[in-house]
Amino acid sequence: MLDTDRTLQIVLELSGTFVFGLNGALTAMEAENLDLVGVVVLAVLTALGGGIVRDVLIGFLPPSALRDWRYLTVAGGAGVIAFVARRLWVRVRVRRLMTVFDAAGLALFCVTGTTVAFVAHLGPFQSAVLGTITAVGGGTIRDVVIRRVPTVLSSGLYAVPAACGAALTALALDFHFYDGYLAVAAALLCFAIRMIGVTFNLNLPTSHPHS
């Protein structure tokens, strides 16, 4: 990977790590009365969980999150910032912030996850699948830890936006027109679909168990 591509990848990954860390910390404070350690732990799990799952699946060990100190620092820092600014968060629409940060992390990680998988010589379809897993993995771990049904299983427009962004990224990589503009476009596509789904309460058909 060229130096410019590597720089873009790092910027996107650290940005996604930060916003997902904020989301995990806000979710922790909203769902449970956790102390600082608990908030930071959930921030780190949310921010790094999907990437670690991806790296394990492609055999890239130790995972990037443990190779580079910046990932743990950014994720933990996001948790500390959210905890310290707790009084401010209470004054604004916390749930809306949680949704925006979650959508932003989803958008950034679907692009970076796909790119990492493609560089590891996976095909475009497999890369898109790994990109989607990277995007939804952290949020799934977050939901399991706080004992609620994972968003990826209960919200139709959660995995779908990630898959759309990952698919666009994989196609661009396969046909050799991937660059910074395309990466931003794919992330914006994912973010827009997710926010439209949340705003208008759009979902895929759900199962209704018999009473």
N, C-alpha and C. Protein backbone atom coordinates (compact mmCIF):
# COMPACT_ATOMS: atom_id res chain seq x y z
N MET A 1 0.84 -1.18 0.00
CA MET A 1 0.00 0.00 0.00
C MET A 1 0.89 1.25 0.00
N LEU A 2 0.57 2.23 -0.87
CA LEU A 2 1.35 3.44 -0.95
C LEU A 2 1.28 4.22 0.34
N ASP A 3 2.30 5.09 0.55
CA ASP A 3 2.34 5.87 1.78
C ASP A 3 1.11 6.74 1.94
N THR A 4 0.66 7.36 0.82
CA THR A 4 -0.53 8.21 0.89
C THR A 4 -1.77 7.39 1.26
N ASP A 5 -1.87 6.18 0.68
CA ASP A 5 -2.99 5.31 1.00
C ASP A 5 -2.93 4.88 2.46
N ARG A 6 -1.72 4.61 2.94
CA ARG A 6 -1.56 4.19 4.33
C ARG A 6 -1.93 5.32 5.28
N THR A 7 -1.55 6.54 4.93
CA THR A 7 -1.92 7.70 5.76
C THR A 7 -3.43 7.88 5.81
N LEU A 8 -4.07 7.75 4.65
CA LEU A 8 -5.54 7.85 4.60
C LEU A 8 -6.17 6.78 5.46
N GLN A 9 -5.65 5.56 5.37
CA GLN A 9 -6.19 4.45 6.15
C GLN A 9 -6.08 4.72 7.65
N ILE A 10 -4.92 5.21 8.08
CA ILE A 10 -4.71 5.50 9.50
C ILE A 10 -5.66 6.59 9.98
N VAL A 11 -5.80 7.65 9.18
CA VAL A 11 -6.69 8.77 9.55
C VAL A 11 -8.13 8.28 9.69
N LEU A 12 -8.59 7.48 8.73
CA LEU A 12 -9.96 6.97 8.79
C LEU A 12 -10.16 6.04 9.98
N GLU A 13 -9.17 5.17 10.22
CA GLU A 13 -9.30 4.22 11.32
C GLU A 13 -9.29 4.92 12.68
N LEU A 14 -8.40 5.88 12.86
CA LEU A 14 -8.35 6.59 14.14
C LEU A 14 -9.59 7.46 14.33
N SER A 15 -10.11 8.03 13.26
CA SER A 15 -11.34 8.81 13.35
C SER A 15 -12.51 7.91 13.76
N GLY A 16 -12.60 6.74 13.11
CA GLY A 16 -13.63 5.78 13.48
C GLY A 16 -13.48 5.29 14.90
N THR A 17 -12.24 5.06 15.31
CA THR A 17 -11.97 4.63 16.69
C THR A 17 -12.45 5.66 17.69
N PHE A 18 -12.22 6.94 17.40
CA PHE A 18 -12.61 8.01 18.32
C PHE A 18 -14.13 8.12 18.45
N VAL A 19 -14.83 8.16 17.30
CA VAL A 19 -16.29 8.34 17.38
C VAL A 19 -16.98 7.11 17.94
N PHE A 20 -16.46 5.91 17.62
CA PHE A 20 -17.04 4.71 18.22
C PHE A 20 -16.73 4.65 19.71
N GLY A 21 -15.55 5.15 20.11
CA GLY A 21 -15.24 5.22 21.53
C GLY A 21 -16.19 6.13 22.28
N LEU A 22 -16.50 7.28 21.68
CA LEU A 22 -17.48 8.20 22.27
C LEU A 22 -18.84 7.52 22.39
N ASN A 23 -19.23 6.82 21.32
CA ASN A 23 -20.53 6.13 21.35
C ASN A 23 -20.57 5.08 22.45
N GLY A 24 -19.50 4.28 22.57
CA GLY A 24 -19.47 3.25 23.60
C GLY A 24 -19.54 3.84 24.99
N ALA A 25 -18.82 4.95 25.21
CA ALA A 25 -18.83 5.60 26.52
C ALA A 25 -20.21 6.19 26.84
N LEU A 26 -20.81 6.86 25.86
CA LEU A 26 -22.15 7.44 26.07
C LEU A 26 -23.18 6.35 26.34
N THR A 27 -23.08 5.25 25.59
CA THR A 27 -23.99 4.14 25.80
C THR A 27 -23.83 3.56 27.19
N ALA A 28 -22.59 3.45 27.65
CA ALA A 28 -22.32 2.92 28.99
C ALA A 28 -22.95 3.80 30.05
N MET A 29 -22.81 5.11 29.91
CA MET A 29 -23.36 6.01 30.92
C MET A 29 -24.87 6.09 30.85
N GLU A 30 -25.42 5.87 29.66
CA GLU A 30 -26.87 5.91 29.51
C GLU A 30 -27.53 4.63 30.04
N ALA A 31 -26.87 3.49 29.81
CA ALA A 31 -27.48 2.20 30.16
C ALA A 31 -27.21 1.78 31.59
N GLU A 32 -26.01 2.05 32.08
CA GLU A 32 -25.62 1.58 33.40
C GLU A 32 -24.91 2.70 34.17
N ASN A 33 -24.92 2.60 35.49
CA ASN A 33 -24.23 3.57 36.33
C ASN A 33 -22.79 3.09 36.54
N LEU A 34 -21.97 3.20 35.49
CA LEU A 34 -20.61 2.68 35.53
C LEU A 34 -19.63 3.74 36.02
N ASP A 35 -18.52 3.27 36.61
CA ASP A 35 -17.47 4.20 37.02
C ASP A 35 -16.57 4.48 35.82
N LEU A 36 -15.50 5.26 36.06
CA LEU A 36 -14.62 5.66 34.96
C LEU A 36 -14.02 4.46 34.25
N VAL A 37 -13.58 3.45 35.02
CA VAL A 37 -12.98 2.27 34.40
C VAL A 37 -13.99 1.56 33.51
N GLY A 38 -15.21 1.41 33.99
CA GLY A 38 -16.24 0.74 33.20
C GLY A 38 -16.55 1.48 31.92
N VAL A 39 -16.61 2.79 32.00
CA VAL A 39 -16.89 3.61 30.82
C VAL A 39 -15.77 3.47 29.79
N VAL A 40 -14.53 3.54 30.25
CA VAL A 40 -13.38 3.44 29.34
C VAL A 40 -13.31 2.04 28.72
N VAL A 41 -13.58 1.01 29.50
CA VAL A 41 -13.55 -0.36 28.98
C VAL A 41 -14.58 -0.53 27.87
N LEU A 42 -15.79 -0.02 28.09
CA LEU A 42 -16.83 -0.16 27.07
C LEU A 42 -16.50 0.68 25.84
N ALA A 43 -15.88 1.83 26.05
CA ALA A 43 -15.44 2.65 24.92
C ALA A 43 -14.42 1.89 24.08
N VAL A 44 -13.46 1.25 24.72
CA VAL A 44 -12.42 0.51 24.01
C VAL A 44 -13.01 -0.70 23.29
N LEU A 45 -13.90 -1.43 23.94
CA LEU A 45 -14.52 -2.59 23.31
C LEU A 45 -15.31 -2.19 22.07
N THR A 46 -16.05 -1.09 22.18
CA THR A 46 -16.85 -0.62 21.05
C THR A 46 -15.97 -0.16 19.90
N ALA A 47 -14.91 0.57 20.24
CA ALA A 47 -14.06 1.16 19.22
C ALA A 47 -13.18 0.14 18.51
N LEU A 48 -12.71 -0.86 19.23
CA LEU A 48 -11.71 -1.78 18.68
C LEU A 48 -12.21 -3.19 18.41
N GLY A 49 -13.39 -3.51 18.91
CA GLY A 49 -13.89 -4.89 18.80
C GLY A 49 -14.01 -5.38 17.38
N GLY A 50 -14.60 -4.57 16.49
CA GLY A 50 -14.80 -5.01 15.11
C GLY A 50 -13.49 -5.22 14.38
N GLY A 51 -12.53 -4.33 14.60
CA GLY A 51 -11.23 -4.48 13.94
C GLY A 51 -10.47 -5.69 14.42
N ILE A 52 -10.59 -5.99 15.71
CA ILE A 52 -9.91 -7.17 16.25
C ILE A 52 -10.51 -8.45 15.67
N VAL A 53 -11.84 -8.49 15.57
CA VAL A 53 -12.50 -9.65 14.97
C VAL A 53 -12.04 -9.83 13.52
N ARG A 54 -12.00 -8.73 12.79
CA ARG A 54 -11.53 -8.78 11.39
C ARG A 54 -10.12 -9.33 11.29
N ASP A 55 -9.21 -8.80 12.10
CA ASP A 55 -7.81 -9.22 12.04
C ASP A 55 -7.64 -10.69 12.40
N VAL A 56 -8.42 -11.16 13.37
CA VAL A 56 -8.36 -12.58 13.74
C VAL A 56 -8.83 -13.45 12.58
N LEU A 57 -9.89 -13.03 11.91
CA LEU A 57 -10.45 -13.82 10.81
C LEU A 57 -9.49 -13.90 9.62
N ILE A 58 -8.71 -12.84 9.38
CA ILE A 58 -7.78 -12.89 8.24
C ILE A 58 -6.39 -13.34 8.67
N GLY A 59 -6.23 -13.68 9.95
CA GLY A 59 -4.96 -14.20 10.43
C GLY A 59 -3.90 -13.15 10.64
N PHE A 60 -4.31 -11.89 10.83
CA PHE A 60 -3.35 -10.82 11.07
C PHE A 60 -3.19 -10.65 12.57
N LEU A 61 -2.15 -11.32 13.11
CA LEU A 61 -1.96 -11.37 14.55
C LEU A 61 -0.54 -10.93 14.92
N PRO A 62 -0.42 -10.21 16.06
CA PRO A 62 -1.48 -9.64 16.88
C PRO A 62 -2.29 -8.61 16.09
N PRO A 63 -3.53 -8.36 16.47
CA PRO A 63 -4.38 -7.39 15.75
C PRO A 63 -3.77 -5.99 15.74
N SER A 64 -4.17 -5.21 14.76
CA SER A 64 -3.65 -3.85 14.62
C SER A 64 -3.85 -3.03 15.88
N ALA A 65 -4.98 -3.25 16.55
CA ALA A 65 -5.29 -2.48 17.75
C ALA A 65 -4.28 -2.70 18.86
N LEU A 66 -3.58 -3.85 18.82
CA LEU A 66 -2.58 -4.16 19.84
C LEU A 66 -1.16 -3.90 19.33
N ARG A 67 -0.98 -3.78 18.03
CA ARG A 67 0.33 -3.48 17.46
C ARG A 67 0.68 -1.99 17.59
N ASP A 68 -0.34 -1.15 17.41
CA ASP A 68 -0.13 0.30 17.36
C ASP A 68 -0.77 0.95 18.59
N TRP A 69 0.04 1.63 19.39
CA TRP A 69 -0.43 2.22 20.64
C TRP A 69 -1.50 3.29 20.42
N ARG A 70 -1.55 3.86 19.21
CA ARG A 70 -2.48 4.95 18.97
C ARG A 70 -3.94 4.52 19.06
N TYR A 71 -4.23 3.27 18.71
CA TYR A 71 -5.62 2.82 18.73
C TYR A 71 -6.16 2.76 20.16
N LEU A 72 -5.43 2.11 21.04
CA LEU A 72 -5.86 2.04 22.44
C LEU A 72 -5.91 3.42 23.07
N THR A 73 -4.95 4.27 22.73
CA THR A 73 -4.91 5.62 23.30
C THR A 73 -6.12 6.43 22.86
N VAL A 74 -6.44 6.39 21.58
CA VAL A 74 -7.58 7.16 21.07
C VAL A 74 -8.90 6.63 21.64
N ALA A 75 -9.04 5.30 21.67
CA ALA A 75 -10.27 4.71 22.20
C ALA A 75 -10.45 5.03 23.68
N GLY A 76 -9.39 4.82 24.46
CA GLY A 76 -9.47 5.13 25.89
C GLY A 76 -9.66 6.61 26.13
N GLY A 77 -8.98 7.45 25.33
CA GLY A 77 -9.13 8.89 25.46
C GLY A 77 -10.55 9.35 25.19
N ALA A 78 -11.19 8.74 24.21
CA ALA A 78 -12.59 9.08 23.91
C ALA A 78 -13.48 8.76 25.11
N GLY A 79 -13.22 7.62 25.76
CA GLY A 79 -13.99 7.26 26.94
C GLY A 79 -13.80 8.25 28.07
N VAL A 80 -12.56 8.67 28.29
CA VAL A 80 -12.27 9.64 29.36
C VAL A 80 -12.93 10.98 29.05
N ILE A 81 -12.85 11.43 27.80
CA ILE A 81 -13.47 12.70 27.41
C ILE A 81 -14.97 12.67 27.66
N ALA A 82 -15.61 11.58 27.26
CA ALA A 82 -17.05 11.47 27.46
C ALA A 82 -17.41 11.46 28.94
N PHE A 83 -16.60 10.78 29.74
CA PHE A 83 -16.87 10.70 31.17
C PHE A 83 -16.72 12.07 31.84
N VAL A 84 -15.63 12.76 31.51
CA VAL A 84 -15.38 14.07 32.11
C VAL A 84 -16.44 15.08 31.69
N ALA A 85 -16.89 14.97 30.44
CA ALA A 85 -17.89 15.91 29.93
C ALA A 85 -19.32 15.43 30.19
N ARG A 86 -19.48 14.54 31.16
CA ARG A 86 -20.79 13.94 31.40
C ARG A 86 -21.87 14.98 31.67
N ARG A 87 -21.56 16.02 32.41
CA ARG A 87 -22.56 17.04 32.70
C ARG A 87 -23.03 17.73 31.43
N LEU A 88 -22.10 17.93 30.50
CA LEU A 88 -22.47 18.56 29.24
C LEU A 88 -23.35 17.63 28.42
N TRP A 89 -22.98 16.34 28.39
CA TRP A 89 -23.78 15.38 27.62
C TRP A 89 -25.22 15.36 28.11
N VAL A 90 -25.40 15.50 29.43
CA VAL A 90 -26.75 15.44 30.00
C VAL A 90 -27.60 16.59 29.49
N ARG A 91 -26.98 17.72 29.18
CA ARG A 91 -27.73 18.90 28.76
C ARG A 91 -28.16 18.85 27.31
N VAL A 92 -27.56 17.98 26.53
CA VAL A 92 -27.92 17.88 25.12
C VAL A 92 -28.66 16.57 24.90
N ARG A 93 -29.06 16.35 23.65
CA ARG A 93 -29.81 15.14 23.35
C ARG A 93 -28.84 13.97 23.24
N VAL A 94 -28.66 13.27 24.36
CA VAL A 94 -27.66 12.22 24.42
C VAL A 94 -27.95 11.11 23.43
N ARG A 95 -29.18 10.70 23.33
CA ARG A 95 -29.52 9.60 22.43
C ARG A 95 -29.23 9.95 20.98
N ARG A 96 -29.48 11.22 20.63
CA ARG A 96 -29.18 11.65 19.27
C ARG A 96 -27.67 11.61 19.01
N LEU A 97 -26.90 12.07 20.00
CA LEU A 97 -25.44 12.02 19.87
C LEU A 97 -24.96 10.58 19.71
N MET A 98 -25.53 9.68 20.50
CA MET A 98 -25.14 8.28 20.43
C MET A 98 -25.38 7.73 19.03
N THR A 99 -26.51 8.09 18.44
CA THR A 99 -26.85 7.62 17.11
C THR A 99 -25.90 8.18 16.06
N VAL A 100 -25.60 9.47 16.17
CA VAL A 100 -24.71 10.11 15.19
C VAL A 100 -23.31 9.52 15.28
N PHE A 101 -22.78 9.36 16.49
CA PHE A 101 -21.45 8.77 16.65
C PHE A 101 -21.42 7.34 16.15
N ASP A 102 -22.49 6.59 16.42
CA ASP A 102 -22.55 5.20 15.98
C ASP A 102 -22.56 5.13 14.45
N ALA A 103 -23.35 6.00 13.81
CA ALA A 103 -23.41 6.02 12.35
C ALA A 103 -22.07 6.44 11.75
N ALA A 104 -21.40 7.37 12.40
CA ALA A 104 -20.10 7.82 11.90
C ALA A 104 -19.06 6.70 12.00
N GLY A 105 -19.04 6.00 13.13
CA GLY A 105 -18.12 4.88 13.28
C GLY A 105 -18.42 3.78 12.29
N LEU A 106 -19.70 3.51 12.11
CA LEU A 106 -20.14 2.50 11.15
C LEU A 106 -19.61 2.84 9.75
N ALA A 107 -19.75 4.12 9.38
CA ALA A 107 -19.36 4.56 8.04
C ALA A 107 -17.85 4.46 7.83
N LEU A 108 -17.08 4.90 8.81
CA LEU A 108 -15.62 4.89 8.66
C LEU A 108 -15.06 3.47 8.66
N PHE A 109 -15.59 2.62 9.52
CA PHE A 109 -15.04 1.27 9.65
C PHE A 109 -15.45 0.35 8.50
N CYS A 110 -16.59 0.61 7.86
CA CYS A 110 -16.95 -0.24 6.72
C CYS A 110 -15.96 -0.01 5.57
N VAL A 111 -15.42 1.19 5.48
CA VAL A 111 -14.42 1.50 4.45
C VAL A 111 -13.06 0.91 4.81
N THR A 112 -12.60 1.18 6.03
CA THR A 112 -11.26 0.72 6.42
C THR A 112 -11.21 -0.80 6.53
N GLY A 113 -12.28 -1.41 7.04
CA GLY A 113 -12.30 -2.86 7.16
C GLY A 113 -12.22 -3.55 5.82
N THR A 114 -12.94 -3.01 4.84
CA THR A 114 -12.90 -3.57 3.48
C THR A 114 -11.51 -3.43 2.88
N THR A 115 -10.89 -2.28 3.10
CA THR A 115 -9.56 -2.03 2.55
C THR A 115 -8.53 -2.98 3.12
N VAL A 116 -8.57 -3.19 4.44
CA VAL A 116 -7.62 -4.10 5.08
C VAL A 116 -7.80 -5.52 4.53
N ALA A 117 -9.04 -5.96 4.38
CA ALA A 117 -9.30 -7.30 3.87
C ALA A 117 -8.82 -7.44 2.43
N PHE A 118 -9.02 -6.41 1.63
CA PHE A 118 -8.60 -6.48 0.23
C PHE A 118 -7.08 -6.52 0.11
N VAL A 119 -6.41 -5.73 0.93
CA VAL A 119 -4.94 -5.74 0.93
C VAL A 119 -4.41 -7.10 1.37
N ALA A 120 -5.20 -7.82 2.18
CA ALA A 120 -4.82 -9.17 2.62
C ALA A 120 -5.14 -10.22 1.56
N HIS A 121 -5.46 -9.75 0.33
CA HIS A 121 -5.65 -10.62 -0.85
C HIS A 121 -6.96 -11.41 -0.80
N LEU A 122 -7.97 -10.86 -0.14
CA LEU A 122 -9.30 -11.45 -0.24
C LEU A 122 -9.99 -10.86 -1.47
N GLY A 123 -10.96 -11.59 -2.01
CA GLY A 123 -11.71 -11.10 -3.15
C GLY A 123 -12.62 -9.94 -2.77
N PRO A 124 -13.20 -9.25 -3.74
CA PRO A 124 -14.06 -8.10 -3.44
C PRO A 124 -15.27 -8.46 -2.59
N PHE A 125 -15.90 -9.61 -2.85
CA PHE A 125 -17.07 -10.00 -2.05
C PHE A 125 -16.66 -10.29 -0.61
N GLN A 126 -15.62 -11.08 -0.45
CA GLN A 126 -15.15 -11.40 0.90
C GLN A 126 -14.68 -10.15 1.64
N SER A 127 -14.05 -9.23 0.90
CA SER A 127 -13.59 -7.98 1.52
C SER A 127 -14.78 -7.16 2.01
N ALA A 128 -15.85 -7.12 1.22
CA ALA A 128 -17.05 -6.37 1.63
C ALA A 128 -17.67 -7.00 2.87
N VAL A 129 -17.67 -8.33 2.93
CA VAL A 129 -18.21 -9.01 4.12
C VAL A 129 -17.37 -8.67 5.35
N LEU A 130 -16.05 -8.71 5.21
CA LEU A 130 -15.17 -8.38 6.33
C LEU A 130 -15.30 -6.91 6.71
N GLY A 131 -15.52 -6.05 5.73
CA GLY A 131 -15.74 -4.64 6.02
C GLY A 131 -17.00 -4.43 6.82
N THR A 132 -18.05 -5.16 6.47
CA THR A 132 -19.31 -5.06 7.21
C THR A 132 -19.14 -5.58 8.63
N ILE A 133 -18.43 -6.68 8.78
CA ILE A 133 -18.18 -7.24 10.12
C ILE A 133 -17.38 -6.25 10.96
N THR A 134 -16.38 -5.61 10.35
CA THR A 134 -15.59 -4.62 11.07
C THR A 134 -16.48 -3.49 11.58
N ALA A 135 -17.42 -3.06 10.74
CA ALA A 135 -18.28 -1.93 11.09
C ALA A 135 -19.26 -2.26 12.21
N VAL A 136 -19.85 -3.45 12.16
CA VAL A 136 -20.91 -3.78 13.12
C VAL A 136 -20.37 -4.53 14.34
N GLY A 137 -19.13 -5.00 14.27
CA GLY A 137 -18.59 -5.84 15.35
C GLY A 137 -18.50 -5.14 16.68
N GLY A 138 -17.97 -3.93 16.69
CA GLY A 138 -17.82 -3.21 17.95
C GLY A 138 -19.15 -2.91 18.62
N GLY A 139 -20.12 -2.47 17.81
CA GLY A 139 -21.45 -2.19 18.36
C GLY A 139 -22.14 -3.44 18.89
N THR A 140 -21.89 -4.58 18.23
CA THR A 140 -22.47 -5.83 18.69
C THR A 140 -21.88 -6.24 20.04
N ILE A 141 -20.55 -6.13 20.18
CA ILE A 141 -19.91 -6.44 21.46
C ILE A 141 -20.42 -5.50 22.55
N ARG A 142 -20.55 -4.21 22.22
CA ARG A 142 -21.09 -3.22 23.15
C ARG A 142 -22.47 -3.63 23.67
N ASP A 143 -23.36 -4.03 22.76
CA ASP A 143 -24.72 -4.38 23.14
C ASP A 143 -24.77 -5.65 23.99
N VAL A 144 -23.92 -6.62 23.66
CA VAL A 144 -23.88 -7.86 24.43
C VAL A 144 -23.42 -7.58 25.86
N VAL A 145 -22.40 -6.72 26.01
CA VAL A 145 -21.86 -6.41 27.33
C VAL A 145 -22.91 -5.72 28.21
N ILE A 146 -23.72 -4.83 27.61
CA ILE A 146 -24.74 -4.13 28.42
C ILE A 146 -26.08 -4.87 28.41
N ARG A 147 -26.05 -6.11 27.91
CA ARG A 147 -27.20 -7.02 28.00
C ARG A 147 -28.44 -6.51 27.28
N ARG A 148 -28.27 -6.19 25.99
CA ARG A 148 -29.43 -5.85 25.18
C ARG A 148 -29.27 -6.49 23.81
N VAL A 149 -30.40 -6.65 23.11
CA VAL A 149 -30.35 -7.28 21.79
C VAL A 149 -29.48 -6.43 20.87
N PRO A 150 -28.46 -7.02 20.24
CA PRO A 150 -27.58 -6.23 19.38
C PRO A 150 -28.34 -5.47 18.31
N THR A 151 -27.92 -4.23 18.08
CA THR A 151 -28.58 -3.38 17.09
C THR A 151 -28.57 -4.02 15.72
N VAL A 152 -27.50 -4.75 15.40
CA VAL A 152 -27.39 -5.36 14.08
C VAL A 152 -28.48 -6.40 13.85
N LEU A 153 -29.06 -6.95 14.92
CA LEU A 153 -30.13 -7.94 14.79
C LEU A 153 -31.52 -7.34 14.89
N SER A 154 -31.62 -6.16 15.44
CA SER A 154 -32.94 -5.56 15.68
C SER A 154 -33.22 -4.35 14.82
N SER A 155 -32.19 -3.78 14.19
CA SER A 155 -32.37 -2.60 13.35
C SER A 155 -32.00 -2.95 11.92
N GLY A 156 -33.00 -2.93 11.02
CA GLY A 156 -32.76 -3.35 9.65
C GLY A 156 -31.74 -2.50 8.92
N LEU A 157 -31.76 -1.21 9.19
CA LEU A 157 -30.82 -0.31 8.52
C LEU A 157 -29.62 -0.03 9.41
N TYR A 158 -28.92 -1.09 9.77
CA TYR A 158 -27.67 -0.99 10.50
C TYR A 158 -26.58 -1.73 9.74
N ALA A 159 -26.80 -3.02 9.54
CA ALA A 159 -25.85 -3.78 8.72
C ALA A 159 -25.97 -3.39 7.25
N VAL A 160 -27.18 -3.03 6.81
CA VAL A 160 -27.39 -2.68 5.39
C VAL A 160 -26.55 -1.48 4.96
N PRO A 161 -26.55 -0.36 5.71
CA PRO A 161 -25.69 0.76 5.31
C PRO A 161 -24.21 0.39 5.29
N ALA A 162 -23.78 -0.40 6.28
CA ALA A 162 -22.38 -0.83 6.32
C ALA A 162 -22.04 -1.68 5.10
N ALA A 163 -22.97 -2.55 4.72
CA ALA A 163 -22.73 -3.41 3.55
C ALA A 163 -22.68 -2.58 2.27
N CYS A 164 -23.50 -1.54 2.19
CA CYS A 164 -23.49 -0.68 0.99
C CYS A 164 -22.16 0.06 0.87
N GLY A 165 -21.71 0.64 1.98
CA GLY A 165 -20.42 1.34 1.96
C GLY A 165 -19.27 0.40 1.68
N ALA A 166 -19.33 -0.80 2.26
CA ALA A 166 -18.27 -1.78 2.04
C ALA A 166 -18.27 -2.27 0.59
N ALA A 167 -19.45 -2.47 0.02
CA ALA A 167 -19.54 -2.94 -1.36
C ALA A 167 -18.98 -1.91 -2.33
N LEU A 168 -19.29 -0.64 -2.12
CA LEU A 168 -18.76 0.41 -2.98
C LEU A 168 -17.23 0.48 -2.87
N THR A 169 -16.72 0.35 -1.66
CA THR A 169 -15.27 0.35 -1.45
C THR A 169 -14.62 -0.84 -2.14
N ALA A 170 -15.21 -2.01 -2.00
CA ALA A 170 -14.64 -3.22 -2.60
C ALA A 170 -14.61 -3.12 -4.13
N LEU A 171 -15.68 -2.59 -4.71
CA LEU A 171 -15.72 -2.43 -6.17
C LEU A 171 -14.65 -1.44 -6.63
N ALA A 172 -14.49 -0.35 -5.89
CA ALA A 172 -13.48 0.65 -6.24
C ALA A 172 -12.07 0.05 -6.17
N LEU A 173 -11.83 -0.75 -5.14
CA LEU A 173 -10.52 -1.39 -5.01
C LEU A 173 -10.29 -2.40 -6.13
N ASP A 174 -11.30 -3.16 -6.46
CA ASP A 174 -11.16 -4.21 -7.47
C ASP A 174 -10.94 -3.62 -8.86
N PHE A 175 -11.57 -2.47 -9.14
CA PHE A 175 -11.44 -1.84 -10.46
C PHE A 175 -10.44 -0.69 -10.48
N HIS A 176 -9.69 -0.57 -9.37
CA HIS A 176 -8.54 0.35 -9.31
C HIS A 176 -8.91 1.82 -9.45
N PHE A 177 -10.05 2.23 -8.85
CA PHE A 177 -10.33 3.66 -8.81
C PHE A 177 -10.60 4.13 -7.37
N TYR A 178 -10.03 3.40 -6.42
CA TYR A 178 -10.16 3.78 -5.02
C TYR A 178 -9.16 4.90 -4.69
N ASP A 179 -9.66 5.97 -4.07
CA ASP A 179 -8.80 7.05 -3.60
C ASP A 179 -9.49 7.73 -2.43
N GLY A 180 -8.94 8.84 -1.98
CA GLY A 180 -9.50 9.53 -0.82
C GLY A 180 -10.93 9.98 -1.05
N TYR A 181 -11.21 10.47 -2.26
CA TYR A 181 -12.56 10.94 -2.56
C TYR A 181 -13.57 9.80 -2.52
N LEU A 182 -13.16 8.67 -3.08
CA LEU A 182 -14.05 7.50 -3.08
C LEU A 182 -14.28 7.00 -1.66
N ALA A 183 -13.22 7.01 -0.83
CA ALA A 183 -13.36 6.57 0.55
C ALA A 183 -14.37 7.43 1.30
N VAL A 184 -14.27 8.74 1.10
CA VAL A 184 -15.22 9.67 1.74
C VAL A 184 -16.64 9.43 1.21
N ALA A 185 -16.75 9.22 -0.10
CA ALA A 185 -18.07 8.99 -0.70
C ALA A 185 -18.72 7.72 -0.14
N ALA A 186 -17.93 6.65 0.00
CA ALA A 186 -18.46 5.40 0.53
C ALA A 186 -18.89 5.57 1.99
N ALA A 187 -18.08 6.30 2.76
CA ALA A 187 -18.43 6.54 4.16
C ALA A 187 -19.70 7.39 4.26
N LEU A 188 -19.82 8.41 3.42
CA LEU A 188 -21.00 9.26 3.43
C LEU A 188 -22.25 8.48 3.01
N LEU A 189 -22.09 7.56 2.08
CA LEU A 189 -23.21 6.72 1.66
C LEU A 189 -23.74 5.92 2.84
N CYS A 190 -22.84 5.27 3.55
CA CYS A 190 -23.22 4.48 4.72
C CYS A 190 -23.87 5.37 5.78
N PHE A 191 -23.25 6.50 6.07
CA PHE A 191 -23.76 7.41 7.10
C PHE A 191 -25.15 7.91 6.73
N ALA A 192 -25.34 8.29 5.47
CA ALA A 192 -26.63 8.84 5.04
C ALA A 192 -27.74 7.80 5.14
N ILE A 193 -27.46 6.57 4.69
CA ILE A 193 -28.50 5.52 4.75
C ILE A 193 -28.87 5.23 6.19
N ARG A 194 -27.87 5.16 7.07
CA ARG A 194 -28.14 4.89 8.49
C ARG A 194 -28.97 6.00 9.12
N MET A 195 -28.62 7.25 8.87
CA MET A 195 -29.34 8.37 9.47
C MET A 195 -30.74 8.51 8.90
N ILE A 196 -30.90 8.23 7.60
CA ILE A 196 -32.24 8.25 7.01
C ILE A 196 -33.11 7.16 7.66
N GLY A 197 -32.53 5.99 7.86
CA GLY A 197 -33.27 4.91 8.51
C GLY A 197 -33.70 5.27 9.91
N VAL A 198 -32.80 5.90 10.67
CA VAL A 198 -33.13 6.30 12.04
C VAL A 198 -34.17 7.42 12.04
N THR A 199 -34.00 8.41 11.18
CA THR A 199 -34.90 9.57 11.14
C THR A 199 -36.31 9.18 10.78
N PHE A 200 -36.45 8.31 9.80
CA PHE A 200 -37.78 7.92 9.32
C PHE A 200 -38.22 6.55 9.83
N ASN A 201 -37.46 6.00 10.77
CA ASN A 201 -37.80 4.71 11.39
C ASN A 201 -38.01 3.63 10.34
N LEU A 202 -37.05 3.51 9.43
CA LEU A 202 -37.13 2.52 8.37
C LEU A 202 -36.43 1.24 8.81
N ASN A 203 -37.04 0.12 8.55
CA ASN A 203 -36.47 -1.17 8.92
C ASN A 203 -36.83 -2.22 7.88
N LEU A 204 -36.04 -3.26 7.85
CA LEU A 204 -36.41 -4.42 7.05
C LEU A 204 -37.55 -5.15 7.74
N PRO A 205 -38.28 -6.02 7.00
CA PRO A 205 -39.34 -6.79 7.65
C PRO A 205 -38.82 -7.58 8.83
N THR A 206 -39.59 -7.60 9.91
CA THR A 206 -39.18 -8.30 11.14
C THR A 206 -40.07 -9.49 11.39
N SER A 207 -39.57 -10.40 12.20
CA SER A 207 -40.35 -11.58 12.59
C SER A 207 -41.25 -11.22 13.75
N HIS A 208 -42.44 -11.79 13.75
CA HIS A 208 -43.40 -11.55 14.84
C HIS A 208 -43.79 -12.90 15.42
N PRO A 209 -43.26 -13.27 16.59
CA PRO A 209 -43.60 -14.58 17.16
C PRO A 209 -45.08 -14.68 17.49
N HIS A 210 -45.59 -15.90 17.36
CA HIS A 210 -47.00 -16.13 17.67
C HIS A 210 -47.24 -15.93 19.15
N SER A 211 -48.37 -15.35 19.50
CA SER A 211 -48.72 -15.16 20.92
C SER A 211 -49.17 -16.48 21.51
